[in-house]
Protein backbone atom coordinates (compact mmCIF):
# COMPACT_ATOMS: atom_id res chain seq x y z
CA UNK A 1 131.59 60.01 -17.65
CA UNK A 2 128.40 61.61 -18.06
CA UNK A 3 125.49 61.20 -15.86
CA UNK A 4 123.43 59.07 -18.51
CA UNK A 5 126.27 56.74 -18.71
CA UNK A 6 126.87 56.27 -14.90
CA UNK A 7 122.79 55.73 -14.72
CA UNK A 8 123.22 52.95 -17.42
CA UNK A 9 126.08 51.48 -15.97
CA UNK A 10 124.31 51.13 -12.25
CA UNK A 11 120.81 50.16 -13.90
CA UNK A 12 122.38 47.28 -15.88
CA UNK A 13 124.31 45.99 -12.77
CA UNK A 14 121.26 46.21 -10.78
CA UNK A 15 118.94 44.51 -13.38
CA UNK A 16 121.72 41.57 -13.77
CA UNK A 17 121.42 41.23 -9.84
CA UNK A 18 117.69 40.85 -10.35
CA UNK A 19 117.94 38.25 -13.07
CA UNK A 20 120.51 36.57 -10.57
CA UNK A 21 118.17 36.66 -7.71
CA UNK A 22 115.15 35.50 -10.18
CA UNK A 23 116.96 32.56 -11.15
CA UNK A 24 118.04 31.61 -7.51
CA UNK A 25 114.25 32.07 -6.65
CA UNK A 26 112.70 30.12 -9.52
CA UNK A 27 115.15 27.18 -8.89
CA UNK A 28 114.44 27.30 -4.99
CA UNK A 29 110.52 26.69 -5.56
CA UNK A 30 109.04 23.43 -5.05
CA UNK A 31 105.69 22.31 -6.69
CA UNK A 32 103.93 23.12 -3.65
CA UNK A 33 105.14 26.70 -3.16
CA UNK A 34 104.14 27.13 -6.81
CA UNK A 35 100.51 25.94 -6.04
CA UNK A 36 100.20 28.39 -2.86
CA UNK A 37 101.44 31.26 -5.18
CA UNK A 38 98.86 30.46 -7.78
CA UNK A 39 95.90 29.94 -5.23
CA UNK A 40 96.72 33.24 -3.51
CA UNK A 41 97.22 34.93 -6.92
CA UNK A 42 95.35 33.31 -10.12
CA UNK A 43 97.06 35.92 -12.59
CA UNK A 44 100.34 33.87 -11.90
CA UNK A 45 99.21 30.44 -12.96
CA UNK A 46 99.70 30.52 -16.89
CA UNK A 47 103.64 31.76 -16.31
CA UNK A 48 104.29 29.39 -13.74
CA UNK A 49 102.34 26.49 -15.74
CA UNK A 50 105.05 27.27 -18.68
CA UNK A 51 107.81 27.53 -16.05
CA UNK A 52 106.91 24.08 -14.98
CA UNK A 53 106.54 22.66 -18.31
CA UNK A 54 109.84 23.92 -19.61
CA UNK A 55 112.09 25.38 -16.95
CA UNK A 56 115.31 25.44 -19.35
CA UNK A 57 113.72 27.64 -21.57
CA UNK A 58 113.30 30.38 -18.63
CA UNK A 59 116.60 29.74 -16.92
CA UNK A 60 118.62 29.90 -20.17
CA UNK A 61 117.11 33.47 -21.31
CA UNK A 62 117.88 34.84 -17.78
CA UNK A 63 121.17 33.67 -17.96
CA UNK A 64 121.70 35.15 -21.46
CA UNK A 65 120.36 38.57 -20.43
CA UNK A 66 122.51 38.72 -17.00
CA UNK A 67 125.52 37.99 -18.89
CA UNK A 68 124.64 40.65 -21.42
CA UNK A 69 124.19 43.41 -18.84
CA UNK A 70 127.34 42.60 -16.99
CA UNK A 71 129.45 42.47 -19.97
CA UNK A 72 127.88 45.62 -21.34
CA UNK A 73 128.47 47.43 -17.86
CA UNK A 74 131.98 46.32 -17.93
CA UNK A 75 132.43 47.48 -21.66
CA UNK A 76 131.02 51.22 -20.42
CA UNK A 77 133.22 51.59 -17.54
CA UNK A 78 136.31 50.15 -19.59
CA UNK A 79 135.51 52.56 -22.49
CA UNK A 80 135.27 55.69 -20.05
CA UNK A 81 138.71 54.54 -18.09
CA UNK A 82 140.75 54.05 -21.28
CA UNK A 83 139.47 57.30 -22.82
CA UNK A 84 140.80 59.46 -19.97
CA UNK A 85 144.20 57.28 -19.62
CA UNK A 86 147.20 56.33 -21.78
CA UNK A 87 148.13 53.22 -19.94
CA UNK A 88 145.61 50.90 -21.40
CA UNK A 89 146.93 47.62 -20.03
CA UNK A 90 146.86 48.62 -16.53
CA UNK A 91 143.68 50.34 -16.84
CA UNK A 92 142.03 47.54 -18.30
CA UNK A 93 143.54 45.13 -15.66
CA UNK A 94 141.73 47.69 -12.83
CA UNK A 95 138.62 47.76 -14.30
CA UNK A 96 138.61 43.90 -14.65
CA UNK A 97 139.27 43.53 -11.05
CA UNK A 98 136.79 46.22 -10.13
CA UNK A 99 134.04 45.19 -12.12
CA UNK A 100 134.66 41.44 -10.98
CA UNK A 101 134.46 42.37 -7.40
CA UNK A 102 131.33 44.67 -8.01
CA UNK A 103 129.58 41.73 -10.22
CA UNK A 104 130.55 39.02 -7.73
CA UNK A 105 128.69 41.03 -4.70
CA UNK A 106 126.06 43.08 -6.37
CA UNK A 107 125.02 40.35 -9.00
CA UNK A 108 126.32 37.04 -7.78
CA UNK A 109 126.09 36.72 -3.65
CA UNK A 110 123.78 39.67 -2.77
CA UNK A 111 120.57 38.82 -5.08
CA UNK A 112 121.27 35.07 -5.05
CA UNK A 113 121.10 34.85 -1.27
CA UNK A 114 117.85 37.23 -1.17
CA UNK A 115 116.37 35.31 -3.70
CA UNK A 116 116.80 31.80 -1.65
CA UNK A 117 115.55 33.67 1.38
CA UNK A 118 112.46 35.46 -0.13
CA UNK A 119 112.00 32.83 -3.03
CA UNK A 120 107.99 33.30 -3.01
CA UNK A 121 107.94 36.99 -2.90
CA UNK A 122 110.79 37.20 -5.56
CA UNK A 123 109.29 34.42 -7.73
CA UNK A 124 106.42 36.74 -8.59
CA UNK A 125 107.77 39.44 -10.54
CA UNK A 126 110.81 37.02 -11.70
CA UNK A 127 108.23 34.54 -13.26
CA UNK A 128 106.42 37.56 -15.32
CA UNK A 129 110.04 38.88 -16.36
CA UNK A 130 111.23 35.49 -17.32
CA UNK A 131 108.09 35.00 -19.41
CA UNK A 132 108.36 38.07 -21.14
CA UNK A 133 112.19 37.78 -21.82
CA UNK A 134 111.58 33.87 -23.00
CA UNK A 135 109.02 35.36 -25.62
CA UNK A 136 111.16 37.73 -26.92
CA UNK A 137 114.74 36.19 -26.80
CA UNK A 138 113.92 32.47 -26.77
CA UNK A 139 114.68 31.77 -30.36
CA UNK A 140 118.11 33.54 -30.02
CA UNK A 141 118.90 31.24 -27.01
CA UNK A 142 117.78 28.29 -28.99
CA UNK A 143 120.13 29.20 -31.68
CA UNK A 144 122.85 30.16 -29.48
CA UNK A 145 122.56 26.63 -27.73
CA UNK A 146 122.38 24.81 -31.11
CA UNK A 147 125.64 26.47 -32.17
CA UNK A 148 127.13 25.78 -28.96
CA UNK A 149 126.26 21.95 -29.28
CA UNK A 150 127.38 21.70 -32.75
CA UNK A 151 131.07 23.36 -31.62
CA UNK A 152 131.26 20.93 -28.92
CA UNK A 153 132.50 17.49 -29.14
CA UNK A 154 130.20 14.53 -28.23
CA UNK A 155 126.56 14.76 -27.46
CA UNK A 156 125.21 18.22 -26.81
CA UNK A 157 122.09 18.98 -24.52
CA UNK A 158 119.19 20.11 -26.33
CA UNK A 159 118.00 22.48 -23.57
CA UNK A 160 121.53 23.64 -23.06
CA UNK A 161 123.90 22.72 -20.29
CA UNK A 162 122.95 25.73 -18.15
CA UNK A 163 119.70 24.30 -16.63
CA UNK A 164 120.62 20.49 -17.40
CA UNK A 165 120.99 17.49 -15.19
CA UNK A 166 124.76 18.65 -14.46
CA UNK A 167 123.74 21.33 -12.78
CA UNK A 168 121.21 19.22 -10.49
CA UNK A 169 123.94 16.59 -9.84
CA UNK A 170 126.33 19.61 -8.59
CA UNK A 171 123.37 20.54 -6.17
CA UNK A 172 123.04 16.82 -4.94
CA UNK A 173 127.07 16.74 -4.29
CA UNK A 174 126.93 20.01 -2.33
CA UNK A 175 123.93 18.99 -0.20
CA UNK A 176 125.69 15.70 0.63
CA UNK A 177 128.63 17.71 1.48
CA UNK A 178 126.72 19.47 3.97
CA UNK A 179 125.13 16.65 5.31
CA UNK A 180 121.38 17.39 4.15
CA UNK A 181 121.47 14.17 1.90
CA UNK A 182 123.37 10.94 2.67
CA UNK A 183 125.95 9.46 0.79
CA UNK A 184 123.67 6.59 -0.08
CA UNK A 185 120.77 8.90 -1.14
CA UNK A 186 123.48 10.81 -3.39
CA UNK A 187 124.50 7.93 -5.22
CA UNK A 188 120.95 6.71 -5.78
CA UNK A 189 119.99 9.91 -7.34
CA UNK A 190 122.96 9.81 -9.72
CA UNK A 191 122.29 6.48 -10.60
CA UNK A 192 118.71 7.60 -11.61
CA UNK A 193 120.06 10.11 -14.19
CA UNK A 194 122.65 7.50 -15.41
CA UNK A 195 120.00 5.00 -15.89
CA UNK A 196 118.59 7.08 -18.97
CA UNK A 197 122.15 6.59 -20.67
CA UNK A 198 122.68 2.95 -19.71
CA UNK A 199 122.02 0.52 -22.22
CA UNK A 200 120.21 -2.86 -21.59
CA UNK A 201 123.47 -4.76 -22.85
CA UNK A 202 125.21 -3.55 -19.75
CA UNK A 203 122.84 -4.68 -17.27
CA UNK A 204 121.68 -7.82 -18.93
CA UNK A 205 122.61 -11.27 -17.60
CA UNK A 206 124.82 -12.72 -20.81
CA UNK A 207 123.54 -15.79 -22.70
CA UNK A 208 126.69 -17.60 -21.16
CA UNK A 209 125.13 -17.40 -17.56
CA UNK A 210 121.60 -17.94 -18.52
CA UNK A 211 119.48 -21.02 -17.01
CA UNK A 212 117.03 -22.39 -19.45
CA UNK A 213 115.04 -25.36 -20.05
CA UNK A 214 114.44 -27.37 -23.35
CA UNK A 215 110.58 -27.37 -24.39
CA UNK A 216 110.44 -31.33 -24.18
CA UNK A 217 111.35 -31.48 -20.63
CA UNK A 218 108.51 -32.68 -18.03
CA UNK A 219 107.04 -30.56 -15.48
CA UNK A 220 109.07 -32.77 -12.92
CA UNK A 221 112.21 -31.76 -14.74
CA UNK A 222 111.45 -28.07 -14.69
CA UNK A 223 110.27 -27.97 -11.04
CA UNK A 224 113.59 -29.79 -10.41
CA UNK A 225 115.28 -26.97 -12.07
CA UNK A 226 113.64 -24.45 -10.66
CA UNK A 227 114.20 -25.79 -7.47
CA UNK A 228 117.81 -26.16 -7.74
CA UNK A 229 118.71 -23.01 -9.58
CA UNK A 230 116.45 -20.88 -7.11
CA UNK A 231 114.90 -19.03 -10.07
CA UNK A 232 110.93 -18.79 -10.44
CA UNK A 233 110.87 -17.85 -14.16
CA UNK A 234 112.88 -19.62 -16.53
CA UNK A 235 113.11 -19.26 -20.27
CA UNK A 236 112.01 -22.23 -22.40
CA UNK A 237 114.04 -22.92 -25.80
CA UNK A 238 113.27 -25.13 -28.62
CA UNK A 239 116.00 -25.90 -31.01
CA UNK A 240 118.49 -23.70 -29.58
CA UNK A 241 119.10 -20.65 -27.35
CA UNK A 242 118.38 -18.40 -30.21
CA UNK A 243 114.87 -19.88 -30.30
CA UNK A 244 113.12 -18.72 -27.28
CA UNK A 245 109.59 -19.52 -27.32
CA UNK A 246 108.29 -18.54 -23.78
CA UNK A 247 108.67 -18.50 -20.07
CA UNK A 248 107.91 -21.08 -17.54
CA UNK A 249 106.75 -19.70 -14.19
CA UNK A 250 107.19 -22.05 -11.40
CA UNK A 251 103.98 -21.26 -9.91
CA UNK A 252 102.21 -22.21 -12.88
CA UNK A 253 103.86 -25.56 -13.07
CA UNK A 254 103.47 -26.14 -9.27
CA UNK A 255 99.82 -25.28 -9.69
CA UNK A 256 99.20 -27.58 -12.35
CA UNK A 257 101.11 -30.70 -10.72
CA UNK A 258 99.19 -29.96 -7.54
CA UNK A 259 95.80 -30.18 -9.44
CA UNK A 260 96.72 -32.99 -11.61
CA UNK A 261 99.35 -35.41 -10.07
CA UNK A 262 99.88 -37.21 -13.22
CA UNK A 263 101.07 -34.16 -15.27
CA UNK A 264 104.12 -34.09 -13.41
CA UNK A 265 105.34 -37.14 -15.99
CA UNK A 266 103.12 -36.78 -18.67
CA UNK A 267 102.94 -33.00 -19.47
CA UNK A 268 105.94 -31.03 -20.80
CA UNK A 269 106.63 -27.26 -20.02
CA UNK A 270 106.07 -26.07 -23.30
CA UNK A 271 102.29 -26.73 -22.58
CA UNK A 272 102.46 -24.07 -19.57
CA UNK A 273 104.32 -21.20 -21.16
CA UNK A 274 103.63 -17.54 -21.03
CA UNK A 275 104.24 -15.04 -23.63
CA UNK A 276 108.13 -13.97 -23.85
CA UNK A 277 109.03 -10.32 -24.20
CA UNK A 278 111.81 -9.39 -26.50
CA UNK A 279 113.86 -6.21 -26.29
CA UNK A 280 116.88 -4.88 -28.16
CA UNK A 281 120.21 -4.69 -26.25
CA UNK A 282 120.42 -0.97 -27.48
CA UNK A 283 117.55 -0.01 -25.62
CA UNK A 284 117.79 2.45 -22.38
CA UNK A 285 117.33 0.88 -19.24
CA UNK A 286 115.29 3.69 -18.26
CA UNK A 287 112.64 3.17 -20.93
CA UNK A 288 112.75 -0.70 -20.54
CA UNK A 289 111.75 0.04 -16.83
CA UNK A 290 108.75 2.43 -17.65
CA UNK A 291 107.91 -0.38 -20.17
CA UNK A 292 108.30 -3.20 -17.48
CA UNK A 293 105.93 -1.23 -15.11
CA UNK A 294 103.20 -0.09 -17.33
CA UNK A 295 103.14 -3.80 -18.66
CA UNK A 296 103.62 -5.65 -15.37
CA UNK A 297 106.84 -7.44 -17.00
CA UNK A 298 109.31 -8.85 -14.84
CA UNK A 299 111.67 -10.60 -17.38
CA UNK A 300 112.52 -9.69 -20.87
CA UNK A 301 114.83 -11.66 -23.49
CA UNK A 302 117.59 -9.32 -24.87
CA UNK A 303 118.07 -9.90 -28.62
CA UNK A 304 120.92 -8.37 -30.68
CA UNK A 305 121.23 -7.04 -33.89
CA UNK A 306 120.76 -10.16 -35.85
CA UNK A 307 118.09 -11.10 -33.92
CA UNK A 308 119.72 -13.80 -31.68
CA UNK A 309 119.43 -14.25 -27.87
CA UNK A 310 122.00 -11.97 -26.27
CA UNK A 311 120.67 -12.43 -22.73
CA UNK A 312 118.00 -11.78 -20.36
CA UNK A 313 117.04 -8.66 -18.02
CA UNK A 314 114.65 -8.51 -15.08
CA UNK A 315 113.24 -5.74 -13.36
CA UNK A 316 115.50 -6.64 -10.44
CA UNK A 317 118.35 -6.00 -12.48
CA UNK A 318 117.56 -2.54 -13.33
CA UNK A 319 116.59 -1.70 -9.87
CA UNK A 320 120.21 -2.81 -8.75
CA UNK A 321 121.57 -0.15 -10.93
CA UNK A 322 119.75 2.41 -9.00
CA UNK A 323 119.79 1.06 -5.39
CA UNK A 324 122.93 -1.14 -5.50
CA UNK A 325 123.33 -5.00 -5.12
CA UNK A 326 120.40 -6.49 -3.42
CA UNK A 327 122.01 -9.46 -1.49
CA UNK A 328 120.51 -12.37 -0.01
CA UNK A 329 120.25 -12.68 3.81
CA UNK A 330 122.39 -15.98 3.55
CA UNK A 331 125.05 -14.51 1.30
CA UNK A 332 128.68 -14.72 2.49
CA UNK A 333 131.42 -13.37 0.65
CA UNK A 334 134.05 -14.28 2.53
CA UNK A 335 134.49 -17.85 0.97
CA UNK A 336 137.83 -19.69 1.36
CA UNK A 337 139.43 -20.43 -1.93
CA UNK A 338 140.36 -23.99 -0.52
CA UNK A 339 138.65 -25.40 2.52
CA UNK A 340 140.08 -29.13 3.39
CA UNK A 341 136.92 -31.26 5.04
CA UNK A 342 138.76 -34.59 5.09
CA UNK A 343 141.82 -36.07 3.33
CA UNK A 344 139.47 -36.97 0.45
CA UNK A 345 136.90 -33.92 0.29
CA UNK A 346 137.42 -30.20 0.17
CA UNK A 347 135.28 -27.42 -0.55
CA UNK A 348 136.74 -24.68 -3.13
CA UNK A 349 135.71 -21.26 -4.40
CA UNK A 350 134.57 -21.15 -7.68
CA UNK A 351 136.84 -18.30 -8.12
CA UNK A 352 139.86 -20.73 -7.73
CA UNK A 353 142.37 -20.58 -10.66
CA UNK A 354 142.67 -23.95 -12.51
CA UNK A 355 146.44 -23.59 -12.19
CA UNK A 356 146.18 -23.36 -8.39
CA UNK A 357 143.51 -26.25 -8.19
CA UNK A 358 146.16 -28.53 -10.23
CA UNK A 359 148.88 -27.85 -7.79
CA UNK A 360 147.00 -28.39 -4.81
CA UNK A 361 144.79 -31.68 -5.83
CA UNK A 362 147.73 -32.97 -8.01
CA UNK A 363 145.29 -33.12 -11.27
CA UNK A 364 146.29 -32.62 -14.92
CA UNK A 365 144.39 -31.26 -17.60
CA UNK A 366 144.82 -31.12 -21.42
CA UNK A 367 145.14 -28.32 -23.19
CA UNK A 368 141.86 -28.46 -24.75
CA UNK A 369 139.98 -28.89 -21.42
CA UNK A 370 141.26 -25.70 -20.09
CA UNK A 371 141.40 -23.54 -23.17
CA UNK A 372 139.54 -20.03 -22.69
CA UNK A 373 138.86 -20.80 -19.21
CA UNK A 374 140.94 -19.39 -15.88
CA UNK A 375 138.73 -20.72 -12.81
CA UNK A 376 137.12 -23.61 -11.60
CA UNK A 377 133.69 -22.15 -12.27
CA UNK A 378 134.61 -21.47 -15.70
CA UNK A 379 135.83 -25.16 -16.10
CA UNK A 380 132.65 -26.80 -14.71
CA UNK A 381 130.52 -24.18 -17.19
CA UNK A 382 132.18 -25.32 -20.23
CA UNK A 383 132.17 -29.02 -19.61
CA UNK A 384 128.69 -28.68 -19.06
CA UNK A 385 127.83 -26.50 -21.78
CA UNK A 386 125.44 -24.37 -19.71
CA UNK A 387 125.59 -22.43 -16.39
CA UNK A 388 125.86 -24.72 -13.40
CA UNK A 389 123.41 -24.96 -10.56
CA UNK A 390 123.53 -26.66 -7.31
CA UNK A 391 123.87 -30.37 -7.97
CA UNK A 392 125.61 -30.14 -11.24
CA UNK A 393 128.55 -32.76 -11.50
CA UNK A 394 131.46 -33.05 -13.56
CA UNK A 395 134.65 -35.48 -13.16
CA UNK A 396 138.25 -34.35 -13.67
CA UNK A 397 141.46 -36.33 -13.28
CA UNK A 398 141.18 -37.88 -9.61
CA UNK A 399 138.21 -35.70 -8.52
CA UNK A 400 134.48 -35.01 -8.84
CA UNK A 401 133.48 -31.67 -8.51
CA UNK A 402 129.97 -30.74 -7.63
CA UNK A 403 128.43 -27.25 -7.90
CA UNK A 404 127.38 -26.42 -4.10
CA UNK A 405 126.20 -23.12 -2.77
CA UNK A 406 124.90 -20.38 -4.98
CA UNK A 407 124.63 -16.61 -3.86
CA UNK A 408 123.39 -13.42 -4.88
CA UNK A 409 120.34 -12.59 -6.54
CA UNK A 410 121.50 -14.25 -9.80
CA UNK A 411 122.07 -17.59 -7.56
CA UNK A 412 125.80 -17.80 -9.00
CA UNK A 413 127.55 -20.81 -7.86
CA UNK A 414 130.13 -19.71 -5.12
CA UNK A 415 131.44 -23.00 -3.92
CA UNK A 416 132.18 -26.37 -5.50
CA UNK A 417 132.63 -29.47 -3.42
CA UNK A 418 135.66 -31.67 -4.62
CA UNK A 419 135.54 -35.44 -3.71
CA UNK A 420 138.39 -37.88 -4.78
CA UNK A 421 137.75 -40.76 -7.18
CA UNK A 422 139.58 -43.60 -8.11
CA UNK A 423 138.20 -43.90 -11.77
CA UNK A 424 136.99 -41.19 -14.14
CA UNK A 425 133.48 -41.11 -14.70
CA UNK A 426 131.20 -39.40 -17.54
CA UNK A 427 130.19 -35.88 -17.17
CA UNK A 428 126.61 -35.98 -15.24
CA UNK A 429 123.84 -33.43 -16.23
CA UNK A 430 120.98 -33.81 -13.99
CA UNK A 431 118.73 -32.06 -15.97
């Protein structure tokens, strides 16, 4: 091996180490540290601003050049070793092991550790070098990333996977394992990233679970529904659920009734509506959250591809995707399936299976009555034709079932009061 080749190999490895340390230093800098560097050294302002605007452009080119230096050094060592020895396989194996160890220490561990320990000092020459390399090789990295995405199944990353959210997710996981980040915080950070890929239809309240009111109902009926359901905003429909004409706010109805008592019976909810916001079910939750924040919207009607009502979504539904379920202080998930209050009265869970109900309460249903339903909650909703709210009542052979206690932010009924009756009565809808 000539002195020139030896010098070239050492230079390539040292430069690869410098690039590895540069990558570590640049990714360790916070916005505050960058501002301090720029204040003390104004000439770094433009390169650092370009780094902030497009960090993946810099990190991708650093990775490309670093890999190129490591591979070139390995090839030069292998070429010299093979030329002087006939046992090519063993020589190549030895070269791979030696260069792997050298690269791991000289390019991997050492420079990366120094880059993190002295991020501010290292970042100054690093950002200048990265800026120069990005100008020279930026188009090449973009081309290679495009080719890689084209050959890779599934959706690729426009900026490449090397500086993507996947790398950040891994850092968060490592921080959680080290105890720097709580488990709940780790899950929250992951949820923020997932929000950009979560569609509205995955978070919405489906139309079968929506609480709504017809436009012809009086203010008294509207307030009654709001008080019983626990919702402060209720969609108002005209001919059908696919024709949502606005949103009734409880505070608007209550204010009108308070100021004009006669309006309680003489005016309809359609006279006091607020404009409804409609969003497609294919919109991402992240985009909708931004829109809701900027327009100060708390509820939106979700429509399908045919323009029909698919459901509704609130800003709380999106926030729950990030922070987890928001439970009420009175919520109690430990509900017995059957709690006998007396010989003729029992409190049952809406999750109780219809077959179990027929056995325990000696009640019989026709096949049509229980088709497409499995639970008592589903049976009540089917007979009512809408989502049950507290006070909604149906009758089944031998029993009257009254929706009793809601739970959770969506106020779903979780318990039903069963009372023995001697005669079957008509389905009662209190609306």
